[in-house]
PDB file of N, CA and C in Angstrom:
ATOM      1  N   MET A   1     -25.761 -21.818  -0.123  1.00  0.00           N
ATOM      2  CA  MET A   1     -25.659 -22.209   1.267  1.00  0.00           C
ATOM      3  C   MET A   1     -24.294 -22.829   1.563  1.00  0.00           C
ATOM      4  N   GLU A   2     -23.759 -23.584   0.613  1.00  0.00           N
ATOM      5  CA  GLU A   2     -22.462 -24.224   0.826  1.00  0.00           C
ATOM      6  C   GLU A   2     -21.358 -23.187   1.009  1.00  0.00           C
ATOM      7  N   PHE A   3     -21.417 -22.096   0.219  1.00  0.00           N
ATOM      8  CA  PHE A   3     -20.412 -21.044   0.336  1.00  0.00           C
ATOM      9  C   PHE A   3     -20.471 -20.410   1.721  1.00  0.00           C
ATOM     10  N   ALA A   4     -21.673 -20.191   2.246  1.00  0.00           N
ATOM     11  CA  ALA A   4     -21.819 -19.614   3.587  1.00  0.00           C
ATOM     12  C   ALA A   4     -21.205 -20.530   4.633  1.00  0.00           C
ATOM     13  N   SER A   5     -21.458 -21.809   4.544  1.00  0.00           N
ATOM     14  CA  SER A   5     -20.880 -22.764   5.492  1.00  0.00           C
ATOM     15  C   SER A   5     -19.361 -22.755   5.417  1.00  0.00           C
ATOM     16  N   THR A   6     -18.835 -22.661   4.214  1.00  0.00           N
ATOM     17  CA  THR A   6     -17.385 -22.641   4.021  1.00  0.00           C
ATOM     18  C   THR A   6     -16.772 -21.405   4.665  1.00  0.00           C
ATOM     19  N   ILE A   7     -17.399 -20.254   4.457  1.00  0.00           N
ATOM     20  CA  ILE A   7     -16.896 -19.005   5.034  1.00  0.00           C
ATOM     21  C   ILE A   7     -16.905 -19.067   6.556  1.00  0.00           C
ATOM     22  N   PHE A   8     -18.038 -19.436   7.116  1.00  0.00           N
ATOM     23  CA  PHE A   8     -18.147 -19.451   8.571  1.00  0.00           C
ATOM     24  C   PHE A   8     -17.235 -20.504   9.184  1.00  0.00           C
ATOM     25  N   SER A   9     -17.061 -21.616   8.510  1.00  0.00           N
ATOM     26  CA  SER A   9     -16.148 -22.651   8.998  1.00  0.00           C
ATOM     27  C   SER A   9     -14.709 -22.137   8.996  1.00  0.00           C
ATOM     28  N   ALA A  10     -14.317 -21.473   7.920  1.00  0.00           N
ATOM     29  CA  ALA A  10     -12.951 -20.951   7.826  1.00  0.00           C
ATOM     30  C   ALA A  10     -12.670 -19.902   8.891  1.00  0.00           C
ATOM     31  N   LEU A  11     -13.662 -19.074   9.189  1.00  0.00           N
ATOM     32  CA  LEU A  11     -13.463 -18.005  10.169  1.00  0.00           C
ATOM     33  C   LEU A  11     -13.744 -18.447  11.604  1.00  0.00           C
ATOM     34  N   SER A  12     -14.134 -19.704  11.794  1.00  0.00           N
ATOM     35  CA  SER A  12     -14.436 -20.176  13.147  1.00  0.00           C
ATOM     36  C   SER A  12     -13.175 -20.424  13.977  1.00  0.00           C
ATOM     37  N   ASP A  13     -12.037 -20.537  13.320  1.00  0.00           N
ATOM     38  CA  ASP A  13     -10.783 -20.722  14.043  1.00  0.00           C
ATOM     39  C   ASP A  13     -10.265 -19.360  14.512  1.00  0.00           C
ATOM     40  N   PRO A  14      -9.934 -19.207  15.794  1.00  0.00           N
ATOM     41  CA  PRO A  14      -9.491 -17.907  16.310  1.00  0.00           C
ATOM     42  C   PRO A  14      -8.263 -17.339  15.593  1.00  0.00           C
ATOM     43  N   THR A  15      -7.306 -18.168  15.242  1.00  0.00           N
ATOM     44  CA  THR A  15      -6.109 -17.669  14.560  1.00  0.00           C
ATOM     45  C   THR A  15      -6.444 -17.166  13.168  1.00  0.00           C
ATOM     46  N   ARG A  16      -7.268 -17.893  12.438  1.00  0.00           N
ATOM     47  CA  ARG A  16      -7.668 -17.430  11.103  1.00  0.00           C
ATOM     48  C   ARG A  16      -8.473 -16.140  11.196  1.00  0.00           C
ATOM     49  N   LEU A  17      -9.332 -16.048  12.187  1.00  0.00           N
ATOM     50  CA  LEU A  17     -10.118 -14.829  12.369  1.00  0.00           C
ATOM     51  C   LEU A  17      -9.209 -13.647  12.683  1.00  0.00           C
ATOM     52  N   ARG A  18      -8.224 -13.857  13.545  1.00  0.00           N
ATOM     53  CA  ARG A  18      -7.277 -12.788  13.875  1.00  0.00           C
ATOM     54  C   ARG A  18      -6.521 -12.332  12.626  1.00  0.00           C
ATOM     55  N   ALA A  19      -6.060 -13.278  11.811  1.00  0.00           N
ATOM     56  CA  ALA A  19      -5.348 -12.934  10.578  1.00  0.00           C
ATOM     57  C   ALA A  19      -6.261 -12.168   9.626  1.00  0.00           C
ATOM     58  N   PHE A  20      -7.494 -12.616   9.532  1.00  0.00           N
ATOM     59  CA  PHE A  20      -8.457 -11.980   8.637  1.00  0.00           C
ATOM     60  C   PHE A  20      -8.731 -10.537   9.065  1.00  0.00           C
ATOM     61  N   VAL A  21      -8.895 -10.315  10.363  1.00  0.00           N
ATOM     62  CA  VAL A  21      -9.135  -8.960  10.867  1.00  0.00           C
ATOM     63  C   VAL A  21      -7.938  -8.061  10.553  1.00  0.00           C
ATOM     64  N   LEU A  22      -6.727  -8.572  10.721  1.00  0.00           N
ATOM     65  CA  LEU A  22      -5.543  -7.774  10.386  1.00  0.00           C
ATOM     66  C   LEU A  22      -5.514  -7.410   8.908  1.00  0.00           C
ATOM     67  N   MET A  23      -5.834  -8.365   8.039  1.00  0.00           N
ATOM     68  CA  MET A  23      -5.862  -8.064   6.605  1.00  0.00           C
ATOM     69  C   MET A  23      -6.946  -7.042   6.285  1.00  0.00           C
ATOM     70  N   ALA A  24      -8.071  -7.123   6.977  1.00  0.00           N
ATOM     71  CA  ALA A  24      -9.146  -6.154   6.753  1.00  0.00           C
ATOM     72  C   ALA A  24      -8.698  -4.751   7.157  1.00  0.00           C
ATOM     73  N   ARG A  25      -7.926  -4.651   8.208  1.00  0.00           N
ATOM     74  CA  ARG A  25      -7.459  -3.348   8.686  1.00  0.00           C
ATOM     75  C   ARG A  25      -6.301  -2.807   7.863  1.00  0.00           C
ATOM     76  N   GLU A  26      -5.402  -3.703   7.440  1.00  0.00           N
ATOM     77  CA  GLU A  26      -4.138  -3.275   6.850  1.00  0.00           C
ATOM     78  C   GLU A  26      -4.050  -3.438   5.341  1.00  0.00           C
ATOM     79  N   GLY A  27      -4.905  -4.241   4.748  1.00  0.00           N
ATOM     80  CA  GLY A  27      -4.766  -4.546   3.327  1.00  0.00           C
ATOM     81  C   GLY A  27      -3.830  -5.723   3.148  1.00  0.00           C
ATOM     82  N   GLU A  28      -2.947  -5.657   2.171  1.00  0.00           N
ATOM     83  CA  GLU A  28      -2.023  -6.760   1.912  1.00  0.00           C
ATOM     84  C   GLU A  28      -1.013  -6.925   3.035  1.00  0.00           C
ATOM     85  N   LEU A  29      -0.808  -8.179   3.417  1.00  0.00           N
ATOM     86  CA  LEU A  29       0.209  -8.511   4.415  1.00  0.00           C
ATOM     87  C   LEU A  29       0.971  -9.739   3.948  1.00  0.00           C
ATOM     88  N   CYS A  30       2.265  -9.752   4.217  1.00  0.00           N
ATOM     89  CA  CYS A  30       3.048 -10.947   3.899  1.00  0.00           C
ATOM     90  C   CYS A  30       2.985 -11.918   5.077  1.00  0.00           C
ATOM     91  N   VAL A  31       3.400 -13.133   4.824  1.00  0.00           N
ATOM     92  CA  VAL A  31       3.363 -14.167   5.856  1.00  0.00           C
ATOM     93  C   VAL A  31       4.204 -13.745   7.057  1.00  0.00           C
ATOM     94  N   CYS A  32       5.361 -13.140   6.817  1.00  0.00           N
ATOM     95  CA  CYS A  32       6.217 -12.749   7.941  1.00  0.00           C
ATOM     96  C   CYS A  32       5.547 -11.693   8.818  1.00  0.00           C
ATOM     97  N   GLU A  33       4.768 -10.799   8.232  1.00  0.00           N
ATOM     98  CA  GLU A  33       4.043  -9.813   9.037  1.00  0.00           C
ATOM     99  C   GLU A  33       2.984 -10.491   9.897  1.00  0.00           C
ATOM    100  N   LEU A  34       2.290 -11.454   9.310  1.00  0.00           N
ATOM    101  CA  LEU A  34       1.256 -12.164  10.064  1.00  0.00           C
ATOM    102  C   LEU A  34       1.856 -13.017  11.172  1.00  0.00           C
ATOM    103  N   THR A  35       2.982 -13.673  10.896  1.00  0.00           N
ATOM    104  CA  THR A  35       3.602 -14.479  11.960  1.00  0.00           C
ATOM    105  C   THR A  35       4.056 -13.587  13.109  1.00  0.00           C
ATOM    106  N   HIS A  36       4.572 -12.414  12.784  1.00  0.00           N
ATOM    107  CA  HIS A  36       5.005 -11.475  13.823  1.00  0.00           C
ATOM    108  C   HIS A  36       3.810 -10.964  14.629  1.00  0.00           C
ATOM    109  N   ALA A  37       2.790 -10.512  13.944  1.00  0.00           N
ATOM    110  CA  ALA A  37       1.627  -9.928  14.622  1.00  0.00           C
ATOM    111  C   ALA A  37       0.869 -10.949  15.460  1.00  0.00           C
ATOM    112  N   LEU A  38       0.736 -12.154  14.944  1.00  0.00           N
ATOM    113  CA  LEU A  38      -0.039 -13.189  15.635  1.00  0.00           C
ATOM    114  C   LEU A  38       0.813 -14.016  16.594  1.00  0.00           C
ATOM    115  N   ASP A  39       2.140 -13.816  16.530  1.00  0.00           N
ATOM    116  CA  ASP A  39       3.087 -14.542  17.376  1.00  0.00           C
ATOM    117  C   ASP A  39       2.931 -16.056  17.197  1.00  0.00           C
ATOM    118  N   ILE A  40       2.964 -16.471  15.927  1.00  0.00           N
ATOM    119  CA  ILE A  40       2.855 -17.897  15.589  1.00  0.00           C
ATOM    120  C   ILE A  40       3.980 -18.268  14.627  1.00  0.00           C
ATOM    121  N   ALA A  41       4.233 -19.551  14.494  1.00  0.00           N
ATOM    122  CA  ALA A  41       5.264 -20.042  13.580  1.00  0.00           C
ATOM    123  C   ALA A  41       4.806 -19.909  12.128  1.00  0.00           C
ATOM    124  N   GLN A  42       5.776 -19.772  11.229  1.00  0.00           N
ATOM    125  CA  GLN A  42       5.470 -19.596   9.812  1.00  0.00           C
ATOM    126  C   GLN A  42       4.664 -20.752   9.234  1.00  0.00           C
ATOM    127  N   PRO A  43       4.988 -22.017   9.525  1.00  0.00           N
ATOM    128  CA  PRO A  43       4.167 -23.100   8.958  1.00  0.00           C
ATOM    129  C   PRO A  43       2.705 -23.032   9.404  1.00  0.00           C
ATOM    130  N   LYS A  44       2.487 -22.642  10.646  1.00  0.00           N
ATOM    131  CA  LYS A  44       1.113 -22.517  11.145  1.00  0.00           C
ATOM    132  C   LYS A  44       0.385 -21.389  10.411  1.00  0.00           C
ATOM    133  N   ALA A  45       1.066 -20.256  10.227  1.00  0.00           N
ATOM    134  CA  ALA A  45       0.458 -19.138   9.502  1.00  0.00           C
ATOM    135  C   ALA A  45       0.124 -19.548   8.074  1.00  0.00           C
ATOM    136  N   SER A  46       1.050 -20.218   7.414  1.00  0.00           N
ATOM    137  CA  SER A  46       0.819 -20.639   6.031  1.00  0.00           C
ATOM    138  C   SER A  46      -0.362 -21.597   5.927  1.00  0.00           C
ATOM    139  N   LYS A  47      -0.482 -22.494   6.883  1.00  0.00           N
ATOM    140  CA  LYS A  47      -1.602 -23.438   6.878  1.00  0.00           C
ATOM    141  C   LYS A  47      -2.936 -22.700   7.025  1.00  0.00           C
ATOM    142  N   HIS A  48      -2.992 -21.751   7.945  1.00  0.00           N
ATOM    143  CA  HIS A  48      -4.232 -20.991   8.139  1.00  0.00           C
ATOM    144  C   HIS A  48      -4.555 -20.132   6.919  1.00  0.00           C
ATOM    145  N   LEU A  49      -3.538 -19.534   6.316  1.00  0.00           N
ATOM    146  CA  LEU A  49      -3.765 -18.729   5.117  1.00  0.00           C
ATOM    147  C   LEU A  49      -4.251 -19.591   3.959  1.00  0.00           C
ATOM    148  N   ALA A  50      -3.737 -20.802   3.851  1.00  0.00           N
ATOM    149  CA  ALA A  50      -4.205 -21.719   2.802  1.00  0.00           C
ATOM    150  C   ALA A  50      -5.684 -22.040   2.992  1.00  0.00           C
ATOM    151  N   THR A  51      -6.101 -22.235   4.227  1.00  0.00           N
ATOM    152  CA  THR A  51      -7.519 -22.508   4.504  1.00  0.00           C
ATOM    153  C   THR A  51      -8.377 -21.317   4.105  1.00  0.00           C
ATOM    154  N   LEU A  52      -7.938 -20.108   4.440  1.00  0.00           N
ATOM    155  CA  LEU A  52      -8.691 -18.903   4.065  1.00  0.00           C
ATOM    156  C   LEU A  52      -8.739 -18.745   2.546  1.00  0.00           C
ATOM    157  N   ARG A  53      -7.640 -19.056   1.882  1.00  0.00           N
ATOM    158  CA  ARG A  53      -7.599 -18.957   0.415  1.00  0.00           C
ATOM    159  C   ARG A  53      -8.520 -19.988  -0.219  1.00  0.00           C
ATOM    160  N   GLU A  54      -8.483 -21.214   0.273  1.00  0.00           N
ATOM    161  CA  GLU A  54      -9.344 -22.270  -0.265  1.00  0.00           C
ATOM    162  C   GLU A  54     -10.822 -21.960  -0.054  1.00  0.00           C
ATOM    163  N   ALA A  55     -11.140 -21.217   0.999  1.00  0.00           N
ATOM    164  CA  ALA A  55     -12.522 -20.827   1.269  1.00  0.00           C
ATOM    165  C   ALA A  55     -12.958 -19.649   0.401  1.00  0.00           C
ATOM    166  N   GLY A  56     -12.026 -19.063  -0.343  1.00  0.00           N
ATOM    167  CA  GLY A  56     -12.350 -17.926  -1.197  1.00  0.00           C
ATOM    168  C   GLY A  56     -12.373 -16.602  -0.467  1.00  0.00           C
ATOM    169  N   LEU A  57     -11.809 -16.569   0.736  1.00  0.00           N
ATOM    170  CA  LEU A  57     -11.837 -15.351   1.542  1.00  0.00           C
ATOM    171  C   LEU A  57     -10.651 -14.432   1.300  1.00  0.00           C
ATOM    172  N   VAL A  58      -9.522 -14.993   0.903  1.00  0.00           N
ATOM    173  CA  VAL A  58      -8.345 -14.170   0.653  1.00  0.00           C
ATOM    174  C   VAL A  58      -7.745 -14.513  -0.702  1.00  0.00           C
ATOM    175  N   ARG A  59      -7.000 -13.556  -1.212  1.00  0.00           N
ATOM    176  CA  ARG A  59      -6.252 -13.755  -2.454  1.00  0.00           C
ATOM    177  C   ARG A  59      -4.770 -13.648  -2.103  1.00  0.00           C
ATOM    178  N   VAL A  60      -3.951 -14.172  -2.965  1.00  0.00           N
ATOM    179  CA  VAL A  60      -2.505 -14.125  -2.741  1.00  0.00           C
ATOM    180  C   VAL A  60      -1.825 -13.719  -4.035  1.00  0.00           C
ATOM    181  N   ARG A  61      -0.748 -12.971  -3.902  1.00  0.00           N
ATOM    182  CA  ARG A  61       0.073 -12.635  -5.063  1.00  0.00           C
ATOM    183  C   ARG A  61       1.529 -12.606  -4.620  1.00  0.00           C
ATOM    184  N   ARG A  62       2.394 -12.893  -5.557  1.00  0.00           N
ATOM    185  CA  ARG A  62       3.830 -12.875  -5.277  1.00  0.00           C
ATOM    186  C   ARG A  62       4.386 -11.508  -5.666  1.00  0.00           C
ATOM    187  N   ASP A  63       5.252 -10.990  -4.805  1.00  0.00           N
ATOM    188  CA  ASP A  63       5.999  -9.774  -5.099  1.00  0.00           C
ATOM    189  C   ASP A  63       7.433 -10.046  -4.658  1.00  0.00           C
ATOM    190  N   ALA A  64       8.307 -10.273  -5.622  1.00  0.00           N
ATOM    191  CA  ALA A  64       9.689 -10.685  -5.344  1.00  0.00           C
ATOM    192  C   ALA A  64       9.653 -11.956  -4.506  1.00  0.00           C
ATOM    193  N   GLN A  65      10.277 -11.949  -3.333  1.00  0.00           N
ATOM    194  CA  GLN A  65      10.288 -13.164  -2.514  1.00  0.00           C
ATOM    195  C   GLN A  65       9.090 -13.273  -1.584  1.00  0.00           C
ATOM    196  N   TRP A  66       8.210 -12.285  -1.558  1.00  0.00           N
ATOM    197  CA  TRP A  66       7.091 -12.281  -0.617  1.00  0.00           C
ATOM    198  C   TRP A  66       5.801 -12.781  -1.255  1.00  0.00           C
ATOM    199  N   MET A  67       5.045 -13.509  -0.466  1.00  0.00           N
ATOM    200  CA  MET A  67       3.680 -13.878  -0.820  1.00  0.00           C
ATOM    201  C   MET A  67       2.791 -12.930  -0.024  1.00  0.00           C
ATOM    202  N   LEU A  68       2.011 -12.124  -0.727  1.00  0.00           N
ATOM    203  CA  LEU A  68       1.180 -11.106  -0.085  1.00  0.00           C
ATOM    204  C   LEU A  68      -0.278 -11.538  -0.110  1.00  0.00           C
ATOM    205  N   TYR A  69      -0.902 -11.507   1.044  1.00  0.00           N
ATOM    206  CA  TYR A  69      -2.284 -11.951   1.217  1.00  0.00           C
ATOM    207  C   TYR A  69      -3.168 -10.748   1.510  1.00  0.00           C
ATOM    208  N   ALA A  70      -4.373 -10.781   0.965  1.00  0.00           N
ATOM    209  CA  ALA A  70      -5.363  -9.726   1.205  1.00  0.00           C
ATOM    210  C   ALA A  70      -6.754 -10.338   1.077  1.00  0.00           C
ATOM    211  N   ILE A  71      -7.729  -9.632   1.587  1.00  0.00           N
ATOM    212  CA  ILE A  71      -9.108 -10.100   1.470  1.00  0.00           C
ATOM    213  C   ILE A  71      -9.487 -10.134  -0.009  1.00  0.00           C
ATOM    214  N   ALA A  72     -10.160 -11.180  -0.407  1.00  0.00           N
ATOM    215  CA  ALA A  72     -10.555 -11.363  -1.806  1.00  0.00           C
ATOM    216  C   ALA A  72     -11.425 -10.204  -2.281  1.00  0.00           C
ATOM    217  N   ASP A  73     -11.180  -9.793  -3.507  1.00  0.00           N
ATOM    218  CA  ASP A  73     -11.943  -8.689  -4.098  1.00  0.00           C
ATOM    219  C   ASP A  73     -13.323  -9.118  -4.568  1.00  0.00           C
ATOM    220  N   ASP A  74     -13.503 -10.400  -4.823  1.00  0.00           N
ATOM    221  CA  ASP A  74     -14.731 -10.872  -5.463  1.00  0.00           C
ATOM    222  C   ASP A  74     -15.716 -11.549  -4.507  1.00  0.00           C
ATOM    223  N   LEU A  75     -15.697 -11.148  -3.245  1.00  0.00           N
ATOM    224  CA  LEU A  75     -16.671 -11.710  -2.303  1.00  0.00           C
ATOM    225  C   LEU A  75     -18.079 -11.279  -2.683  1.00  0.00           C
ATOM    226  N   GLN A  76     -19.032 -12.157  -2.470  1.00  0.00           N
ATOM    227  CA  GLN A  76     -20.428 -11.815  -2.726  1.00  0.00           C
ATOM    228  C   GLN A  76     -20.844 -10.690  -1.776  1.00  0.00           C
ATOM    229  N   PRO A  77     -21.764  -9.809  -2.209  1.00  0.00           N
ATOM    230  CA  PRO A  77     -22.154  -8.666  -1.377  1.00  0.00           C
ATOM    231  C   PRO A  77     -22.616  -9.047   0.028  1.00  0.00           C
ATOM    232  N   TRP A  78     -23.401 -10.115   0.164  1.00  0.00           N
ATOM    233  CA  TRP A  78     -23.865 -10.500   1.498  1.00  0.00           C
ATOM    234  C   TRP A  78     -22.688 -10.923   2.375  1.00  0.00           C
ATOM    235  N   ALA A  79     -21.705 -11.620   1.770  1.00  0.00           N
ATOM    236  CA  ALA A  79     -20.536 -12.071   2.529  1.00  0.00           C
ATOM    237  C   ALA A  79     -19.700 -10.878   2.966  1.00  0.00           C
ATOM    238  N   ARG A  80     -19.517  -9.921   2.067  1.00  0.00           N
ATOM    239  CA  ARG A  80     -18.749  -8.720   2.416  1.00  0.00           C
ATOM    240  C   ARG A  80     -19.438  -7.949   3.541  1.00  0.00           C
ATOM    241  N   ALA A  81     -20.770  -7.847   3.505  1.00  0.00           N
ATOM    242  CA  ALA A  81     -21.505  -7.126   4.553  1.00  0.00           C
ATOM    243  C   ALA A  81     -21.359  -7.811   5.909  1.00  0.00           C
ATOM    244  N   VAL A  82     -21.499  -9.127   5.931  1.00  0.00           N
ATOM    245  CA  VAL A  82     -21.365  -9.878   7.188  1.00  0.00           C
ATOM    246  C   VAL A  82     -19.943  -9.756   7.721  1.00  0.00           C
ATOM    247  N   ILE A  83     -18.975  -9.905   6.849  1.00  0.00           N
ATOM    248  CA  ILE A  83     -17.576  -9.840   7.258  1.00  0.00           C
ATOM    249  C   ILE A  83     -17.216  -8.442   7.743  1.00  0.00           C
ATOM    250  N   THR A  84     -17.692  -7.420   7.050  1.00  0.00           N
ATOM    251  CA  THR A  84     -17.426  -6.046   7.469  1.00  0.00           C
ATOM    252  C   THR A  84     -17.980  -5.786   8.860  1.00  0.00           C
ATOM    253  N   ALA A  85     -19.194  -6.238   9.118  1.00  0.00           N
ATOM    254  CA  ALA A  85     -19.797  -6.055  10.444  1.00  0.00           C
ATOM    255  C   ALA A  85     -18.983  -6.777  11.517  1.00  0.00           C
ATOM    256  N   ALA A  86     -18.548  -7.984  11.229  1.00  0.00           N
ATOM    257  CA  ALA A  86     -17.759  -8.750  12.201  1.00  0.00           C
ATOM    258  C   ALA A  86     -16.413  -8.084  12.460  1.00  0.00           C
ATOM    259  N   VAL A  87     -15.745  -7.660  11.399  1.00  0.00           N
ATOM    260  CA  VAL A  87     -14.443  -7.009  11.551  1.00  0.00           C
ATOM    261  C   VAL A  87     -14.590  -5.715  12.342  1.00  0.00           C
ATOM    262  N   ASP A  88     -15.613  -4.926  12.035  1.00  0.00           N
ATOM    263  CA  ASP A  88     -15.842  -3.679  12.772  1.00  0.00           C
ATOM    264  C   ASP A  88     -16.017  -3.943  14.261  1.00  0.00           C
ATOM    265  N   ALA A  89     -16.739  -4.992  14.594  1.00  0.00           N
ATOM    266  CA  ALA A  89     -16.969  -5.326  16.002  1.00  0.00           C
ATOM    267  C   ALA A  89     -15.694  -5.826  16.674  1.00  0.00           C
ATOM    268  N   LEU A  90     -14.877  -6.556  15.942  1.00  0.00           N
ATOM    269  CA  LEU A  90     -13.698  -7.185  16.543  1.00  0.00           C
ATOM    270  C   LEU A  90     -12.480  -6.283  16.645  1.00  0.00           C
ATOM    271  N   THR A  91     -12.429  -5.197  15.894  1.00  0.00           N
ATOM    272  CA  THR A  91     -11.237  -4.354  15.921  1.00  0.00           C
ATOM    273  C   THR A  91     -11.006  -3.724  17.286  1.00  0.00           C
ATOM    274  N   GLU A  92     -12.032  -3.615  18.098  1.00  0.00           N
ATOM    275  CA  GLU A  92     -11.870  -3.049  19.443  1.00  0.00           C
ATOM    276  C   GLU A  92     -11.562  -4.109  20.490  1.00  0.00           C
ATOM    277  N   ASP A  93     -11.596  -5.375  20.124  1.00  0.00           N
ATOM    278  CA  ASP A  93     -11.303  -6.467  21.042  1.00  0.00           C
ATOM    279  C   ASP A  93      -9.832  -6.406  21.469  1.00  0.00           C
ATOM    280  N   ALA A  94      -9.550  -6.727  22.724  1.00  0.00           N
ATOM    281  CA  ALA A  94      -8.192  -6.626  23.263  1.00  0.00           C
ATOM    282  C   ALA A  94      -7.194  -7.501  22.502  1.00  0.00           C
ATOM    283  N   VAL A  95      -7.588  -8.696  22.128  1.00  0.00           N
ATOM    284  CA  VAL A  95      -6.683  -9.590  21.390  1.00  0.00           C
ATOM    285  C   VAL A  95      -6.324  -8.979  20.043  1.00  0.00           C
ATOM    286  N   HIS A  96      -7.313  -8.460  19.349  1.00  0.00           N
ATOM    287  CA  HIS A  96      -7.060  -7.868  18.036  1.00  0.00           C
ATOM    288  C   HIS A  96      -6.267  -6.570  18.156  1.00  0.00           C
ATOM    289  N   GLN A  97      -6.501  -5.809  19.209  1.00  0.00           N
ATOM    290  CA  GLN A  97      -5.708  -4.600  19.445  1.00  0.00           C
ATOM    291  C   GLN A  97      -4.240  -4.961  19.670  1.00  0.00           C
ATOM    292  N   ALA A  98      -3.993  -6.035  20.424  1.00  0.00           N
ATOM    293  CA  ALA A  98      -2.614  -6.473  20.674  1.00  0.00           C
ATOM    294  C   ALA A  98      -1.947  -6.948  19.381  1.00  0.00           C
ATOM    295  N   ASP A  99      -2.687  -7.681  18.553  1.00  0.00           N
ATOM    296  CA  ASP A  99      -2.154  -8.128  17.256  1.00  0.00           C
ATOM    297  C   ASP A  99      -1.759  -6.927  16.406  1.00  0.00           C
ATOM    298  N   TRP A 100      -2.644  -5.946  16.353  1.00  0.00           N
ATOM    299  CA  TRP A 100      -2.393  -4.768  15.526  1.00  0.00           C
ATOM    300  C   TRP A 100      -1.201  -3.980  16.063  1.00  0.00           C
ATOM    301  N   ALA A 101      -1.082  -3.877  17.386  1.00  0.00           N
ATOM    302  CA  ALA A 101       0.056  -3.171  17.982  1.00  0.00           C
ATOM    303  C   ALA A 101       1.373  -3.874  17.634  1.00  0.00           C
ATOM    304  N   ARG A 102       1.395  -5.207  17.703  1.00  0.00           N
ATOM    305  CA  ARG A 102       2.607  -5.940  17.324  1.00  0.00           C
ATOM    306  C   ARG A 102       2.941  -5.707  15.852  1.00  0.00           C
ATOM    307  N   LEU A 103       1.925  -5.703  15.006  1.00  0.00           N
ATOM    308  CA  LEU A 103       2.159  -5.472  13.583  1.00  0.00           C
ATOM    309  C   LEU A 103       2.719  -4.075  13.349  1.00  0.00           C
ATOM    310  N   ARG A 104       2.113  -3.078  13.954  1.00  0.00           N
ATOM    311  CA  ARG A 104       2.592  -1.703  13.776  1.00  0.00           C
ATOM    312  C   ARG A 104       3.999  -1.514  14.317  1.00  0.00           C
ATOM    313  N   GLY A 105       4.369  -2.294  15.340  1.00  0.00           N
ATOM    314  CA  GLY A 105       5.697  -2.185  15.930  1.00  0.00           C
ATOM    315  C   GLY A 105       6.773  -2.991  15.221  1.00  0.00           C
ATOM    316  N   MET A 106       6.389  -3.738  14.212  1.00  0.00           N
ATOM    317  CA  MET A 106       7.359  -4.577  13.498  1.00  0.00           C
ATOM    318  C   MET A 106       8.347  -3.703  12.732  1.00  0.00           C
ATOM    319  N   GLN A 107       9.618  -3.954  12.950  1.00  0.00           N
ATOM    320  CA  GLN A 107      10.667  -3.210  12.255  1.00  0.00           C
ATOM    321  C   GLN A 107      10.843  -3.750  10.837  1.00  0.00           C
ATOM    322  N   GLY A 108      11.017  -2.867   9.868  1.00  0.00           N
ATOM    323  CA  GLY A 108      11.316  -3.265   8.496  1.00  0.00           C
ATOM    324  C   GLY A 108      10.244  -4.099   7.834  1.00  0.00           C
ATOM    325  N   ARG A 109       8.992  -3.689   7.991  1.00  0.00           N
ATOM    326  CA  ARG A 109       7.892  -4.453   7.395  1.00  0.00           C
ATOM    327  C   ARG A 109       8.076  -4.535   5.884  1.00  0.00           C
ATOM    328  N   PRO A 110       8.270  -5.732   5.347  1.00  0.00           N
ATOM    329  CA  PRO A 110       8.565  -5.886   3.917  1.00  0.00           C
ATOM    330  C   PRO A 110       7.501  -5.327   2.992  1.00  0.00           C
ATOM    331  N   SER A 111       6.237  -5.509   3.310  1.00  0.00           N
ATOM    332  CA  SER A 111       5.206  -5.037   2.387  1.00  0.00           C
ATOM    333  C   SER A 111       5.155  -3.520   2.329  1.00  0.00           C
ATOM    334  N   ARG A 112       5.773  -2.867   3.276  1.00  0.00           N
ATOM    335  CA  ARG A 112       5.802  -1.404   3.264  1.00  0.00           C
ATOM    336  C   ARG A 112       6.926  -0.869   2.387  1.00  0.00           C
ATOM    337  N   TYR A 113       7.852  -1.744   1.972  1.00  0.00           N
ATOM    338  CA  TYR A 113       9.009  -1.298   1.208  1.00  0.00           C
ATOM    339  C   TYR A 113       9.052  -1.866  -0.201  1.00  0.00           C
ATOM    340  N   ARG A 114       8.061  -2.625  -0.575  1.00  0.00           N
ATOM    341  CA  ARG A 114       8.065  -3.240  -1.900  1.00  0.00           C
ATOM    342  C   ARG A 114       7.789  -2.187  -2.973  1.00  0.00           C
ATOM    343  N   ALA A 115       8.144  -2.525  -4.187  1.00  0.00           N
ATOM    344  CA  ALA A 115       7.879  -1.626  -5.316  1.00  0.00           C
ATOM    345  C   ALA A 115       6.386  -1.562  -5.564  1.00  0.00           C
ATOM    346  N   ALA A 116       5.906  -0.391  -5.910  1.00  0.00           N
ATOM    347  CA  ALA A 116       4.470  -0.204  -6.155  1.00  0.00           C
ATOM    348  C   ALA A 116       4.061  -0.791  -7.475  1.00  0.00           C
TER     349      ALA A 116
END
């Protein structure tokens, strides 16, 4: 029950939810991609990503100078099902569509050019 409360609490913030939906759609994203897509400052993005990481919702890895964030691979099946349903519902929302459009329009997206 505690894990469920932690997940729902972490996703209750609109900015964290927007970031989470983008990661669900795109896979790994660096902080600069999220700041561009969400139109927020880097410290704010980093703070929200830290909350998602502490909740066990996202993982992070370093690739050269970039910190790349993605949805955690080890989510419990019930959590993945709930999150998948929420993300599916939210991808058509106007706010999330605008976030995704800004991300797709970003010039020189670093995570798209990193070594495999």
